[in-house]
C-alpha atoms as a PDB file:
ATOM      1  CA  MET A   1      94.998  60.502  79.019  1.00  0.00           C
ATOM      2  CA  ILE A   2      94.897  61.976  82.518  1.00  0.00           C
ATOM      3  CA  ASN A   3      97.818  61.312  84.874  1.00  0.00           C
ATOM      4  CA  THR A   4     100.164  59.917  82.222  1.00  0.00           C
ATOM      5  CA  GLN A   5     103.781  60.941  81.810  1.00  0.00           C
ATOM      6  CA  LYS A   6     104.065  64.322  80.141  1.00  0.00           C
ATOM      7  CA  GLU A   7     106.914  63.230  77.865  1.00  0.00           C
ATOM      8  CA  GLY A   8     104.556  60.788  76.173  1.00  0.00           C
ATOM      9  CA  ARG A   9     102.185  63.499  75.049  1.00  0.00           C
ATOM     10  CA  VAL A  10     102.013  65.540  71.851  1.00  0.00           C
ATOM     11  CA  TRP A  11     102.476  69.249  72.463  1.00  0.00           C
ATOM     12  CA  ALA A  12     100.620  71.877  70.462  1.00  0.00           C
ATOM     13  CA  LEU A  13     103.832  73.281  69.007  1.00  0.00           C
ATOM     14  CA  HIS A  14     104.537  69.976  67.265  1.00  0.00           C
ATOM     15  CA  ALA A  15     101.013  68.622  66.642  1.00  0.00           C
ATOM     16  CA  PRO A  16     100.204  67.934  62.951  1.00  0.00           C
ATOM     17  CA  LEU A  17      97.399  70.506  62.862  1.00  0.00           C
ATOM     18  CA  GLU A  18      98.015  71.206  59.177  1.00  0.00           C
ATOM     19  CA  VAL A  19      96.127  68.035  58.258  1.00  0.00           C
ATOM     20  CA  VAL A  20      92.974  69.257  60.028  1.00  0.00           C
ATOM     21  CA  THR A  21      90.654  71.054  57.616  1.00  0.00           C
ATOM     22  CA  PHE A  22      87.527  70.866  59.772  1.00  0.00           C
ATOM     23  CA  ASP A  23      88.080  70.704  63.558  1.00  0.00           C
ATOM     24  CA  ILE A  24      84.995  69.187  65.166  1.00  0.00           C
ATOM     25  CA  TYR A  25      86.274  70.068  68.650  1.00  0.00           C
ATOM     26  CA  ARG A  26      87.324  73.681  68.094  1.00  0.00           C
ATOM     27  CA  ASP A  27      84.254  75.798  68.809  1.00  0.00           C
ATOM     28  CA  ILE A  28      82.723  73.776  71.635  1.00  0.00           C
ATOM     29  CA  HIS A  29      86.089  73.393  73.347  1.00  0.00           C
ATOM     30  CA  LYS A  30      86.650  77.144  73.250  1.00  0.00           C
ATOM     31  CA  GLY A  31      83.306  77.694  74.958  1.00  0.00           C
ATOM     32  CA  ILE A  32      83.944  74.985  77.547  1.00  0.00           C
ATOM     33  CA  ARG A  33      87.379  76.393  78.379  1.00  0.00           C
ATOM     34  CA  ALA A  34      85.953  79.860  78.863  1.00  0.00           C
ATOM     35  CA  GLU A  35      83.264  78.615  81.247  1.00  0.00           C
ATOM     36  CA  LEU A  36      85.680  76.403  83.182  1.00  0.00           C
ATOM     37  CA  PHE A  37      87.855  79.453  83.733  1.00  0.00           C
ATOM     38  CA  GLY A  38      84.804  81.566  84.578  1.00  0.00           C
ATOM     39  CA  VAL A  39      83.424  79.162  87.181  1.00  0.00           C
ATOM     40  CA  THR A  40      86.876  78.668  88.713  1.00  0.00           C
ATOM     41  CA  THR A  41      87.369  82.428  88.978  1.00  0.00           C
ATOM     42  CA  ALA A  42      83.895  82.860  90.483  1.00  0.00           C
ATOM     43  CA  ALA A  43      84.642  80.130  93.019  1.00  0.00           C
ATOM     44  CA  GLY A  44      87.783  81.986  94.047  1.00  0.00           C
ATOM     45  CA  ASN A  45      86.144  85.361  94.663  1.00  0.00           C
ATOM     46  CA  VAL A  46      82.660  84.400  95.913  1.00  0.00           C
ATOM     47  CA  ASP A  47      81.746  85.498  99.450  1.00  0.00           C
ATOM     48  CA  PRO A  48      81.694  82.205 101.397  1.00  0.00           C
ATOM     49  CA  HIS A  49      79.149  83.641 103.839  1.00  0.00           C
ATOM     50  CA  ASP A  50      76.681  84.917 101.231  1.00  0.00           C
ATOM     51  CA  GLY A  51      74.060  82.212 100.720  1.00  0.00           C
ATOM     52  CA  THR A  52      72.606  83.965  97.682  1.00  0.00           C
ATOM     53  CA  ALA A  53      76.018  84.202  96.009  1.00  0.00           C
ATOM     54  CA  ILE A  54      76.753  80.550  96.765  1.00  0.00           C
ATOM     55  CA  ALA A  55      73.375  79.551  95.295  1.00  0.00           C
ATOM     56  CA  SER A  56      74.151  81.570  92.163  1.00  0.00           C
ATOM     57  CA  LEU A  57      77.529  79.865  91.833  1.00  0.00           C
ATOM     58  CA  LEU A  58      75.877  76.465  92.301  1.00  0.00           C
ATOM     59  CA  GLN A  59      73.396  77.295  89.536  1.00  0.00           C
ATOM     60  CA  ARG A  60      76.244  78.226  87.200  1.00  0.00           C
ATOM     61  CA  LEU A  61      78.066  75.028  88.128  1.00  0.00           C
ATOM     62  CA  SER A  62      74.933  72.980  87.463  1.00  0.00           C
ATOM     63  CA  ALA A  63      74.687  74.475  83.983  1.00  0.00           C
ATOM     64  CA  LEU A  64      78.337  73.606  83.381  1.00  0.00           C
ATOM     65  CA  VAL A  65      77.733  70.040  84.564  1.00  0.00           C
ATOM     66  CA  GLY A  66      74.874  69.746  82.066  1.00  0.00           C
ATOM     67  CA  LEU A  67      77.030  71.101  79.250  1.00  0.00           C
ATOM     68  CA  LEU A  68      79.913  68.734  79.973  1.00  0.00           C
ATOM     69  CA  ASP A  69      77.647  65.712  80.440  1.00  0.00           C
ATOM     70  CA  GLY A  70      75.931  66.409  77.123  1.00  0.00           C
ATOM     71  CA  HIS A  71      79.222  67.013  75.344  1.00  0.00           C
ATOM     72  CA  ALA A  72      80.702  63.739  76.602  1.00  0.00           C
ATOM     73  CA  ALA A  73      77.533  61.839  75.668  1.00  0.00           C
ATOM     74  CA  HIS A  74      77.700  63.177  72.100  1.00  0.00           C
ATOM     75  CA  GLU A  75      81.360  62.235  71.827  1.00  0.00           C
ATOM     76  CA  ASP A  76      80.689  58.735  73.161  1.00  0.00           C
ATOM     77  CA  ARG A  77      77.827  58.171  70.737  1.00  0.00           C
ATOM     78  CA  TYR A  78      79.120  59.758  67.547  1.00  0.00           C
ATOM     79  CA  LEU A  79      82.897  60.102  67.750  1.00  0.00           C
ATOM     80  CA  ALA A  80      83.960  57.057  69.774  1.00  0.00           C
ATOM     81  CA  PRO A  81      83.248  54.573  66.926  1.00  0.00           C
ATOM     82  CA  LEU A  82      85.289  56.688  64.504  1.00  0.00           C
ATOM     83  CA  ILE A  83      88.169  57.008  66.955  1.00  0.00           C
ATOM     84  CA  GLN A  84      88.117  53.265  67.662  1.00  0.00           C
ATOM     85  CA  ARG A  85      88.566  52.500  63.964  1.00  0.00           C
ATOM     86  CA  GLN A  86      91.572  54.824  63.813  1.00  0.00           C
ATOM     87  CA  SER A  87      93.264  54.007  67.119  1.00  0.00           C
ATOM     88  CA  GLY A  88      92.162  51.645  69.842  1.00  0.00           C
ATOM     89  CA  ALA A  89      94.657  53.213  72.249  1.00  0.00           C
ATOM     90  CA  LEU A  90      93.251  56.713  71.739  1.00  0.00           C
ATOM     91  CA  ALA A  91      89.687  55.404  72.051  1.00  0.00           C
ATOM     92  CA  ASP A  92      90.530  53.689  75.348  1.00  0.00           C
ATOM     93  CA  ALA A  93      92.216  56.834  76.667  1.00  0.00           C
ATOM     94  CA  ILE A  94      89.187  58.993  75.850  1.00  0.00           C
ATOM     95  CA  THR A  95      86.804  56.493  77.452  1.00  0.00           C
ATOM     96  CA  GLN A  96      88.848  56.402  80.646  1.00  0.00           C
ATOM     97  CA  ASP A  97      89.079  60.202  80.739  1.00  0.00           C
ATOM     98  CA  HIS A  98      85.317  60.542  80.405  1.00  0.00           C
ATOM     99  CA  ARG A  99      84.730  58.168  83.306  1.00  0.00           C
ATOM    100  CA  THR A 100      87.277  59.919  85.533  1.00  0.00           C
ATOM    101  CA  LEU A 101      86.073  63.424  84.704  1.00  0.00           C
ATOM    102  CA  GLU A 102      82.415  62.504  85.170  1.00  0.00           C
ATOM    103  CA  GLY A 103      83.118  61.246  88.675  1.00  0.00           C
ATOM    104  CA  GLN A 104      85.090  64.367  89.579  1.00  0.00           C
ATOM    105  CA  LEU A 105      82.444  66.659  88.134  1.00  0.00           C
ATOM    106  CA  HIS A 106      79.564  65.265  90.142  1.00  0.00           C
ATOM    107  CA  GLN A 107      81.639  65.285  93.330  1.00  0.00           C
ATOM    108  CA  LEU A 108      82.205  68.988  92.717  1.00  0.00           C
ATOM    109  CA  ALA A 109      78.473  69.671  92.681  1.00  0.00           C
ATOM    110  CA  SER A 110      77.885  67.788  95.922  1.00  0.00           C
ATOM    111  CA  THR A 111      80.745  69.669  97.609  1.00  0.00           C
ATOM    112  CA  LEU A 112      79.186  73.044  96.916  1.00  0.00           C
ATOM    113  CA  GLN A 113      75.706  71.849  97.885  1.00  0.00           C
ATOM    114  CA  ASN A 114      76.877  70.982 101.398  1.00  0.00           C
ATOM    115  CA  VAL A 115      78.445  74.204 102.656  1.00  0.00           C
ATOM    116  CA  PRO A 116      78.221  74.152 106.506  1.00  0.00           C
ATOM    117  CA  SER A 117      76.456  76.770 108.607  1.00  0.00           C
ATOM    118  CA  SER A 118      79.470  77.768 110.722  1.00  0.00           C
ATOM    119  CA  ARG A 119      81.257  80.853 109.368  1.00  0.00           C
ATOM    120  CA  SER A 120      84.708  79.412 109.968  1.00  0.00           C
ATOM    121  CA  GLU A 121      83.752  76.165 108.242  1.00  0.00           C
ATOM    122  CA  GLN A 122      82.106  78.025 105.360  1.00  0.00           C
ATOM    123  CA  ARG A 123      85.366  79.711 104.375  1.00  0.00           C
ATOM    124  CA  LEU A 124      87.274  76.421 104.352  1.00  0.00           C
ATOM    125  CA  ALA A 125      84.507  74.572 102.497  1.00  0.00           C
ATOM    126  CA  VAL A 126      84.295  77.170  99.735  1.00  0.00           C
ATOM    127  CA  HIS A 127      88.085  77.355  99.451  1.00  0.00           C
ATOM    128  CA  ARG A 128      88.166  73.581  99.165  1.00  0.00           C
ATOM    129  CA  PHE A 129      85.593  73.769  96.372  1.00  0.00           C
ATOM    130  CA  TYR A 130      87.697  76.405  94.624  1.00  0.00           C
ATOM    131  CA  LEU A 131      90.787  74.155  94.729  1.00  0.00           C
ATOM    132  CA  CYS A 132      88.731  71.182  93.548  1.00  0.00           C
ATOM    133  CA  MET A 133      87.367  73.263  90.673  1.00  0.00           C
ATOM    134  CA  ALA A 134      90.853  74.417  89.704  1.00  0.00           C
ATOM    135  CA  SER A 135      92.175  70.845  89.801  1.00  0.00           C
ATOM    136  CA  PHE A 136      89.247  69.587  87.721  1.00  0.00           C
ATOM    137  CA  THR A 137      89.847  72.349  85.183  1.00  0.00           C
ATOM    138  CA  SER A 138      93.496  71.314  84.911  1.00  0.00           C
ATOM    139  CA  ASP A 139      92.502  67.689  84.274  1.00  0.00           C
ATOM    140  CA  TYR A 140      89.849  68.704  81.765  1.00  0.00           C
ATOM    141  CA  LEU A 141      92.292  70.890  79.840  1.00  0.00           C
ATOM    142  CA  GLU A 142      94.637  67.912  79.566  1.00  0.00           C
ATOM    143  CA  HIS A 143      91.772  65.822  78.217  1.00  0.00           C
ATOM    144  CA  GLN A 144      90.916  68.502  75.646  1.00  0.00           C
ATOM    145  CA  ALA A 145      94.538  68.614  74.541  1.00  0.00           C
ATOM    146  CA  LEU A 146      94.485  64.882  73.877  1.00  0.00           C
ATOM    147  CA  GLU A 147      91.403  65.269  71.702  1.00  0.00           C
ATOM    148  CA  GLU A 148      92.623  68.339  69.824  1.00  0.00           C
ATOM    149  CA  LEU A 149      96.273  67.438  69.328  1.00  0.00           C
ATOM    150  CA  GLU A 150      96.094  63.662  68.826  1.00  0.00           C
ATOM    151  CA  VAL A 151      92.527  62.529  68.195  1.00  0.00           C
ATOM    152  CA  MET A 152      91.564  65.271  65.740  1.00  0.00           C
ATOM    153  CA  PRO A 153      94.589  64.749  63.446  1.00  0.00           C
ATOM    154  CA  ALA A 154      93.884  60.992  63.527  1.00  0.00           C
ATOM    155  CA  LEU A 155      90.274  61.615  62.509  1.00  0.00           C
ATOM    156  CA  ALA A 156      91.369  64.019  59.769  1.00  0.00           C
ATOM    157  CA  ALA A 157      93.740  61.383  58.393  1.00  0.00           C
ATOM    158  CA  GLY A 158      91.078  58.681  58.304  1.00  0.00           C
ATOM    159  CA  TYR A 159      87.890  60.465  57.280  1.00  0.00           C
ATOM    160  CA  THR A 160      86.880  63.037  54.706  1.00  0.00           C
ATOM    161  CA  VAL A 161      85.767  66.532  55.613  1.00  0.00           C
ATOM    162  CA  GLN A 162      82.254  65.577  54.536  1.00  0.00           C
ATOM    163  CA  ASP A 163      82.307  62.577  56.876  1.00  0.00           C
ATOM    164  CA  LEU A 164      83.160  64.793  59.843  1.00  0.00           C
ATOM    165  CA  LEU A 165      80.701  67.504  58.861  1.00  0.00           C
ATOM    166  CA  HIS A 166      77.980  64.881  58.663  1.00  0.00           C
ATOM    167  CA  VAL A 167      78.794  63.684  62.190  1.00  0.00           C
ATOM    168  CA  ASN A 168      78.830  67.269  63.431  1.00  0.00           C
ATOM    169  CA  ALA A 169      75.398  67.859  61.897  1.00  0.00           C
ATOM    170  CA  GLU A 170      74.057  64.735  63.612  1.00  0.00           C
ATOM    171  CA  ILE A 171      75.307  66.006  66.972  1.00  0.00           C
ATOM    172  CA  LEU A 172      73.786  69.440  66.474  1.00  0.00           C
ATOM    173  CA  ALA A 173      70.474  67.925  65.430  1.00  0.00           C
ATOM    174  CA  GLU A 174      70.133  66.359  68.884  1.00  0.00           C
ATOM    175  CA  ILE A 175      70.556  69.644  70.779  1.00  0.00           C
ATOM    176  CA  PRO A 176      67.260  71.325  71.846  1.00  0.00           C
ATOM    177  CA  PRO A 177      66.893  75.001  70.825  1.00  0.00           C
ATOM    178  CA  GLU A 178      67.112  76.300  74.400  1.00  0.00           C
ATOM    179  CA  THR A 179      70.283  74.297  75.011  1.00  0.00           C
ATOM    180  CA  MET A 180      71.716  75.517  71.716  1.00  0.00           C
ATOM    181  CA  ALA A 181      71.057  79.131  72.712  1.00  0.00           C
ATOM    182  CA  ALA A 182      72.748  78.628  76.089  1.00  0.00           C
ATOM    183  CA  SER A 183      75.728  76.990  74.386  1.00  0.00           C
ATOM    184  CA  LEU A 184      76.058  79.759  71.807  1.00  0.00           C
ATOM    185  CA  SER A 185      76.081  82.346  74.597  1.00  0.00           C
ATOM    186  CA  LEU A 186      79.272  80.672  75.841  1.00  0.00           C
ATOM    187  CA  LEU A 187      80.800  79.813  72.473  1.00  0.00           C
ATOM    188  CA  LEU A 188      80.460  83.115  70.628  1.00  0.00           C
ATOM    189  CA  PRO A 189      82.480  85.254  73.078  1.00  0.00           C
ATOM    190  CA  ALA A 190      85.192  82.578  73.193  1.00  0.00           C
ATOM    191  CA  MET A 191      85.540  82.332  69.394  1.00  0.00           C
ATOM    192  CA  ASN A 192      87.562  84.580  67.100  1.00  0.00           C
ATOM    193  CA  VAL A 193      86.028  86.567  64.278  1.00  0.00           C
ATOM    194  CA  ASP A 194      86.818  83.927  61.635  1.00  0.00           C
ATOM    195  CA  ASP A 195      85.097  81.237  63.723  1.00  0.00           C
ATOM    196  CA  ARG A 196      82.048  83.433  64.285  1.00  0.00           C
ATOM    197  CA  VAL A 197      81.674  84.399  60.638  1.00  0.00           C
ATOM    198  CA  GLU A 198      81.984  80.782  59.531  1.00  0.00           C
ATOM    199  CA  MET A 199      79.247  79.731  61.920  1.00  0.00           C
ATOM    200  CA  LEU A 200      76.883  82.663  61.351  1.00  0.00           C
ATOM    201  CA  SER A 201      77.299  82.672  57.575  1.00  0.00           C
ATOM    202  CA  GLY A 202      76.298  79.026  57.533  1.00  0.00           C
ATOM    203  CA  ILE A 203      73.177  79.749  59.536  1.00  0.00           C
ATOM    204  CA  ARG A 204      72.344  82.745  57.370  1.00  0.00           C
ATOM    205  CA  ALA A 205      72.677  80.698  54.178  1.00  0.00           C
ATOM    206  CA  THR A 206      70.200  77.987  55.104  1.00  0.00           C
ATOM    207  CA  ALA A 207      68.114  78.829  58.179  1.00  0.00           C
ATOM    208  CA  PRO A 208      64.763  80.639  58.050  1.00  0.00           C
ATOM    209  CA  PRO A 209      65.219  84.415  58.422  1.00  0.00           C
ATOM    210  CA  GLN A 210      63.627  84.494  61.873  1.00  0.00           C
ATOM    211  CA  GLU A 211      66.021  81.827  63.164  1.00  0.00           C
ATOM    212  CA  PHE A 212      69.048  83.665  61.844  1.00  0.00           C
ATOM    213  CA  ALA A 213      67.715  86.927  63.298  1.00  0.00           C
ATOM    214  CA  ALA A 214      67.437  85.253  66.712  1.00  0.00           C
ATOM    215  CA  VAL A 215      71.009  83.985  66.551  1.00  0.00           C
ATOM    216  CA  LEU A 216      72.263  87.362  65.357  1.00  0.00           C
ATOM    217  CA  GLY A 217      70.383  89.030  68.212  1.00  0.00           C
ATOM    218  CA  LEU A 218      72.029  86.665  70.663  1.00  0.00           C
ATOM    219  CA  ALA A 219      75.440  87.499  69.194  1.00  0.00           C
ATOM    220  CA  ALA A 220      74.746  91.211  69.633  1.00  0.00           C
ATOM    221  CA  THR A 221      73.840  90.557  73.274  1.00  0.00           C
ATOM    222  CA  VAL A 222      76.825  88.414  74.285  1.00  0.00           C
ATOM    223  CA  LEU A 223      79.587  90.054  72.230  1.00  0.00           C
ATOM    224  CA  PRO A 224      81.278  93.372  73.062  1.00  0.00           C
ATOM    225  CA  PRO A 225      80.220  96.118  70.607  1.00  0.00           C
ATOM    226  CA  ALA A 226      83.659  96.202  68.976  1.00  0.00           C
ATOM    227  CA  ASP A 227      83.644  92.443  68.372  1.00  0.00           C
ATOM    228  CA  TYR A 228      80.150  92.551  66.936  1.00  0.00           C
ATOM    229  CA  ALA A 229      81.144  95.437  64.633  1.00  0.00           C
ATOM    230  CA  ALA A 230      84.186  93.485  63.435  1.00  0.00           C
ATOM    231  CA  LEU A 231      81.956  90.504  62.760  1.00  0.00           C
ATOM    232  CA  ALA A 232      79.698  92.574  60.518  1.00  0.00           C
ATOM    233  CA  ALA A 233      82.568  94.371  58.782  1.00  0.00           C
ATOM    234  CA  LEU A 234      84.629  91.289  57.921  1.00  0.00           C
ATOM    235  CA  GLY A 235      81.812  88.860  57.246  1.00  0.00           C
ATOM    236  CA  ASP A 236      81.700  88.905  53.450  1.00  0.00           C
ATOM    237  CA  ASN A 237      85.463  88.538  52.996  1.00  0.00           C
ATOM    238  CA  ILE A 238      85.755  85.627  55.422  1.00  0.00           C
ATOM    239  CA  VAL A 239      82.758  83.826  53.942  1.00  0.00           C
ATOM    240  CA  ALA A 240      84.395  84.035  50.524  1.00  0.00           C
ATOM    241  CA  ALA A 241      87.609  82.565  51.945  1.00  0.00           C
ATOM    242  CA  THR A 242      85.651  79.788  53.608  1.00  0.00           C
ATOM    243  CA  ARG A 243      83.968  78.850  50.322  1.00  0.00           C
ATOM    244  CA  ARG A 244      87.353  78.495  48.676  1.00  0.00           C
ATOM    245  CA  THR A 245      88.492  76.089  51.396  1.00  0.00           C
ATOM    246  CA  ILE A 246      85.481  73.831  51.993  1.00  0.00           C
ATOM    247  CA  ASP A 247      82.323  73.175  50.022  1.00  0.00           C
ATOM    248  CA  ASN A 248      79.918  75.797  51.366  1.00  0.00           C
ATOM    249  CA  ASP A 249      76.840  73.554  51.364  1.00  0.00           C
ATOM    250  CA  SER A 250      78.590  71.073  53.646  1.00  0.00           C
ATOM    251  CA  VAL A 251      79.738  73.838  55.974  1.00  0.00           C
ATOM    252  CA  THR A 252      76.318  75.397  56.302  1.00  0.00           C
ATOM    253  CA  ARG A 253      74.646  72.067  56.963  1.00  0.00           C
ATOM    254  CA  ALA A 254      77.168  71.388  59.737  1.00  0.00           C
ATOM    255  CA  PHE A 255      76.009  74.460  61.607  1.00  0.00           C
ATOM    256  CA  VAL A 256      72.260  74.244  61.069  1.00  0.00           C
ATOM    257  CA  PRO A 257      70.703  71.419  63.086  1.00  0.00           C
ATOM    258  CA  CYS A 258      67.301  71.663  61.433  1.00  0.00           C
ATOM    259  CA  LEU A 259      68.650  70.503  58.065  1.00  0.00           C
ATOM    260  CA  PRO A 260      69.466  66.892  57.139  1.00  0.00           C
ATOM    261  CA  ALA A 261      73.064  66.260  56.202  1.00  0.00           C
ATOM    262  CA  ARG A 262      73.817  64.873  52.779  1.00  0.00           C
ATOM    263  CA  GLU A 263      74.679  61.205  52.519  1.00  0.00           C
ATOM    264  CA  GLU A 264      78.049  61.632  50.903  1.00  0.00           C
ATOM    265  CA  GLY A 265      81.706  61.111  51.526  1.00  0.00           C
ATOM    266  CA  SER A 266      83.343  57.895  52.554  1.00  0.00           C
ATOM    267  CA  ARG A 267      86.103  56.909  54.885  1.00  0.00           C
ATOM    268  CA  ARG A 268      89.531  57.110  53.382  1.00  0.00           C
ATOM    269  CA  GLY A 269      91.126  53.804  52.735  1.00  0.00           C
END
């Protein structure tokens, strides 16, 4: 939870990540982190007197606001009930974080929309936005750590992999294709080759060829050539490893929103 004593938190070095077979936060959090860093960096080096550059930064911020709002809404709808059954304290902490972060996020947007006309005031206003963006990023990273290091192990201890994959499929099914494409353009560069192969092999196994071709084309556009080559070269080996770890049908359905998830798996007692 934001603004709590650090000694009360679980640090990554000691978090029980071994119990997590399927991490529902992993890929989206990697993409969000990358864009938080990107927007913060852009805010730090933008020309405060260039109206076009400020408008471009505002557009990027608006897209980030939409991504974070949608992500929080999905968590509130699909994950909050599961978290509540595992730990009321964790559920309350996540709810409070979402409220706090939402308020900060929308204040950020209004700050950048109201840059004054005076050159001297422009520099201060944009610098203030940069510091606000950096502070928000710090708070958001702390929130992500709570979810990844405490909530995710609690979910893994209380629910089967199939349970969590089913929830993930329900979330993905709500995302419009254009929003999914925008999200993938952020996620894919932030993921490692294992993550990418797991996701793309699932899509390849169950999606229509034209849909997989579109996703593969997007990957070729957003990834550096070397990363895309590594993806193609290592794909078969990593897919085989994935099948040995988790039932492949469940994995593929988790990554393809157009397919209904199977009604299977129950909460552990």
